[in-house]
């Protein structure tokens, strides 16, 4: 699929707080935990539980969320298709980072081992 500038803008302006409950529901429905979700978020962004809560409370946009993040050096290893978009082909950095997070949450919900999700091997 082709990503438009409008799509990139919509992704940047979406709030983490509006999406976070969907992440929790998705992983818990598949038998994973909020603790595991936070582990995945921390691996990607460097945000601990306190920082995640702070970003939710302040209603931070994904643009702000990822500007404050210290992206994991291995984030570039997150590849594949999510929501119809091939991650490796996404040019806009914020959109790519949101899709990184979506892909990790998806892998968690699908039951992948944590070592694989966190690109340890």
C-alpha atoms as a PDB file:
ATOM      1  CA  UNK A   1       0.000   0.000   0.000  1.00  0.00           C
ATOM      2  CA  UNK A   2       1.051   3.568  -0.659  1.00  0.00           C
ATOM      3  CA  UNK A   3       1.445   5.809   2.372  1.00  0.00           C
ATOM      4  CA  UNK A   4       0.209   9.370   1.869  1.00  0.00           C
ATOM      5  CA  UNK A   5       1.364  12.513   3.689  1.00  0.00           C
ATOM      6  CA  UNK A   6      -2.118  12.635   5.265  1.00  0.00           C
ATOM      7  CA  UNK A   7      -1.606   9.133   6.653  1.00  0.00           C
ATOM      8  CA  UNK A   8       1.770  10.148   8.112  1.00  0.00           C
ATOM      9  CA  UNK A   9       0.188  13.234   9.710  1.00  0.00           C
ATOM     10  CA  UNK A  10      -2.654  11.163  11.192  1.00  0.00           C
ATOM     11  CA  UNK A  11      -0.156   8.683  12.678  1.00  0.00           C
ATOM     12  CA  UNK A  12       1.951  11.472  14.208  1.00  0.00           C
ATOM     13  CA  UNK A  13      -1.055  13.211  15.787  1.00  0.00           C
ATOM     14  CA  UNK A  14      -2.672  10.039  17.189  1.00  0.00           C
ATOM     15  CA  UNK A  15      -2.195   9.782  20.937  1.00  0.00           C
ATOM     16  CA  UNK A  16      -0.440   6.881  22.584  1.00  0.00           C
ATOM     17  CA  UNK A  17      -3.183   6.934  25.265  1.00  0.00           C
ATOM     18  CA  UNK A  18      -5.860   6.259  22.631  1.00  0.00           C
ATOM     19  CA  UNK A  19      -4.052   3.179  21.280  1.00  0.00           C
ATOM     20  CA  UNK A  20      -2.555   1.740  24.481  1.00  0.00           C
ATOM     21  CA  UNK A  21      -5.837   0.168  25.765  1.00  0.00           C
ATOM     22  CA  UNK A  22      -6.171  -1.653  22.424  1.00  0.00           C
ATOM     23  CA  UNK A  23      -2.635  -3.031  22.810  1.00  0.00           C
ATOM     24  CA  UNK A  24      -3.487  -4.281  26.315  1.00  0.00           C
ATOM     25  CA  UNK A  25      -6.762  -5.868  25.166  1.00  0.00           C
ATOM     26  CA  UNK A  26      -5.090  -7.528  22.182  1.00  0.00           C
ATOM     27  CA  UNK A  27      -2.279  -9.164  24.151  1.00  0.00           C
ATOM     28  CA  UNK A  28      -4.434 -10.157  27.144  1.00  0.00           C
ATOM     29  CA  UNK A  29      -7.075 -11.695  24.879  1.00  0.00           C
ATOM     30  CA  UNK A  30      -4.317 -13.938  23.514  1.00  0.00           C
ATOM     31  CA  UNK A  31      -3.075 -14.985  26.958  1.00  0.00           C
ATOM     32  CA  UNK A  32      -0.149 -12.561  27.271  1.00  0.00           C
ATOM     33  CA  UNK A  33       0.222  -9.983  30.042  1.00  0.00           C
ATOM     34  CA  UNK A  34       0.464  -6.237  30.483  1.00  0.00           C
ATOM     35  CA  UNK A  35       3.898  -6.863  32.055  1.00  0.00           C
ATOM     36  CA  UNK A  36       5.045  -8.483  28.798  1.00  0.00           C
ATOM     37  CA  UNK A  37       3.555  -5.599  26.808  1.00  0.00           C
ATOM     38  CA  UNK A  38       5.505  -3.115  28.930  1.00  0.00           C
ATOM     39  CA  UNK A  39       8.657  -5.188  28.441  1.00  0.00           C
ATOM     40  CA  UNK A  40       8.209  -4.899  24.662  1.00  0.00           C
ATOM     41  CA  UNK A  41       7.527  -1.141  24.852  1.00  0.00           C
ATOM     42  CA  UNK A  42      10.572  -0.634  27.083  1.00  0.00           C
ATOM     43  CA  UNK A  43      12.796  -2.635  24.722  1.00  0.00           C
ATOM     44  CA  UNK A  44      11.747  -0.470  21.766  1.00  0.00           C
ATOM     45  CA  UNK A  45      11.620   2.946  23.453  1.00  0.00           C
ATOM     46  CA  UNK A  46      13.538   2.784  26.728  1.00  0.00           C
ATOM     47  CA  UNK A  47      10.362   3.846  28.616  1.00  0.00           C
ATOM     48  CA  UNK A  48       9.789   2.156  31.974  1.00  0.00           C
ATOM     49  CA  UNK A  49       6.345   1.688  33.571  1.00  0.00           C
ATOM     50  CA  UNK A  50       6.436   5.123  35.196  1.00  0.00           C
ATOM     51  CA  UNK A  51       7.293   6.876  31.921  1.00  0.00           C
ATOM     52  CA  UNK A  52       4.600   4.936  30.036  1.00  0.00           C
ATOM     53  CA  UNK A  53       2.009   6.064  32.592  1.00  0.00           C
ATOM     54  CA  UNK A  54       3.278   9.646  32.396  1.00  0.00           C
ATOM     55  CA  UNK A  55       2.945   9.676  28.584  1.00  0.00           C
ATOM     56  CA  UNK A  56      -0.570   8.250  28.832  1.00  0.00           C
ATOM     57  CA  UNK A  57      -1.565  10.822  31.475  1.00  0.00           C
ATOM     58  CA  UNK A  58      -0.274  13.726  29.401  1.00  0.00           C
ATOM     59  CA  UNK A  59      -2.031  12.378  26.283  1.00  0.00           C
ATOM     60  CA  UNK A  60       1.221  12.470  24.287  1.00  0.00           C
ATOM     61  CA  UNK A  61       0.971  12.123  20.518  1.00  0.00           C
ATOM     62  CA  UNK A  62       3.007   9.430  18.821  1.00  0.00           C
ATOM     63  CA  UNK A  63       5.196  12.220  17.477  1.00  0.00           C
ATOM     64  CA  UNK A  64       6.025  13.341  21.032  1.00  0.00           C
ATOM     65  CA  UNK A  65       6.206   9.738  22.239  1.00  0.00           C
ATOM     66  CA  UNK A  66       8.892   8.797  19.720  1.00  0.00           C
ATOM     67  CA  UNK A  67      10.750  12.118  19.965  1.00  0.00           C
ATOM     68  CA  UNK A  68      11.321  11.317  23.641  1.00  0.00           C
ATOM     69  CA  UNK A  69      12.159   7.665  23.042  1.00  0.00           C
ATOM     70  CA  UNK A  70      15.640   6.248  22.828  1.00  0.00           C
ATOM     71  CA  UNK A  71      14.935   3.760  20.052  1.00  0.00           C
ATOM     72  CA  UNK A  72      16.617   0.389  20.516  1.00  0.00           C
ATOM     73  CA  UNK A  73      19.670  -0.082  18.280  1.00  0.00           C
ATOM     74  CA  UNK A  74      18.111  -3.291  16.937  1.00  0.00           C
ATOM     75  CA  UNK A  75      14.771  -1.705  15.983  1.00  0.00           C
ATOM     76  CA  UNK A  76      15.819  -1.852  12.322  1.00  0.00           C
ATOM     77  CA  UNK A  77      15.573  -5.652  12.621  1.00  0.00           C
ATOM     78  CA  UNK A  78      11.777  -5.343  12.910  1.00  0.00           C
ATOM     79  CA  UNK A  79      10.562  -6.209   9.424  1.00  0.00           C
ATOM     80  CA  UNK A  80       7.514  -7.578   7.698  1.00  0.00           C
ATOM     81  CA  UNK A  81       3.996  -6.428   6.987  1.00  0.00           C
ATOM     82  CA  UNK A  82       1.703  -4.789   9.522  1.00  0.00           C
ATOM     83  CA  UNK A  83      -1.702  -3.290   8.700  1.00  0.00           C
ATOM     84  CA  UNK A  84      -0.963  -3.824   5.008  1.00  0.00           C
ATOM     85  CA  UNK A  85       2.309  -1.867   5.047  1.00  0.00           C
ATOM     86  CA  UNK A  86       5.791  -3.355   4.609  1.00  0.00           C
ATOM     87  CA  UNK A  87       7.781  -1.792   7.464  1.00  0.00           C
ATOM     88  CA  UNK A  88      11.058  -1.709   5.531  1.00  0.00           C
ATOM     89  CA  UNK A  89       9.453   0.496   2.846  1.00  0.00           C
ATOM     90  CA  UNK A  90       8.016   3.152   5.172  1.00  0.00           C
ATOM     91  CA  UNK A  91       9.951   6.385   4.717  1.00  0.00           C
ATOM     92  CA  UNK A  92       8.455   8.659   7.387  1.00  0.00           C
ATOM     93  CA  UNK A  93      10.338   8.014  10.672  1.00  0.00           C
ATOM     94  CA  UNK A  94       7.338   8.499  13.007  1.00  0.00           C
ATOM     95  CA  UNK A  95       5.081   6.268  10.913  1.00  0.00           C
ATOM     96  CA  UNK A  96       7.837   3.628  10.762  1.00  0.00           C
ATOM     97  CA  UNK A  97       8.320   3.755  14.548  1.00  0.00           C
ATOM     98  CA  UNK A  98       4.568   3.432  15.200  1.00  0.00           C
ATOM     99  CA  UNK A  99       4.528   0.407  12.911  1.00  0.00           C
ATOM    100  CA  UNK A 100       7.537  -1.049  14.751  1.00  0.00           C
ATOM    101  CA  UNK A 101       5.489  -0.897  17.947  1.00  0.00           C
ATOM    102  CA  UNK A 102       2.404  -2.333  16.218  1.00  0.00           C
ATOM    103  CA  UNK A 103       4.488  -5.220  14.860  1.00  0.00           C
ATOM    104  CA  UNK A 104       5.977  -6.028  18.280  1.00  0.00           C
ATOM    105  CA  UNK A 105       2.514  -6.009  19.893  1.00  0.00           C
ATOM    106  CA  UNK A 106       1.242  -8.239  17.092  1.00  0.00           C
ATOM    107  CA  UNK A 107       4.099 -10.701  17.575  1.00  0.00           C
ATOM    108  CA  UNK A 108       3.442 -10.757  21.331  1.00  0.00           C
ATOM    109  CA  UNK A 109      -0.248 -11.457  20.757  1.00  0.00           C
ATOM    110  CA  UNK A 110       0.582 -14.224  18.285  1.00  0.00           C
ATOM    111  CA  UNK A 111       2.548 -16.046  20.981  1.00  0.00           C
ATOM    112  CA  UNK A 112       6.083 -15.523  19.736  1.00  0.00           C
ATOM    113  CA  UNK A 113       8.806 -16.159  22.296  1.00  0.00           C
ATOM    114  CA  UNK A 114      10.026 -12.992  24.002  1.00  0.00           C
ATOM    115  CA  UNK A 115      13.637 -13.602  22.851  1.00  0.00           C
ATOM    116  CA  UNK A 116      12.461 -13.528  19.225  1.00  0.00           C
ATOM    117  CA  UNK A 117      10.272 -10.450  19.722  1.00  0.00           C
ATOM    118  CA  UNK A 118      13.143  -8.571  21.346  1.00  0.00           C
ATOM    119  CA  UNK A 119      15.480  -9.622  18.531  1.00  0.00           C
ATOM    120  CA  UNK A 120      17.892 -11.312  20.990  1.00  0.00           C
ATOM    121  CA  UNK A 121      18.935 -14.191  18.796  1.00  0.00           C
END
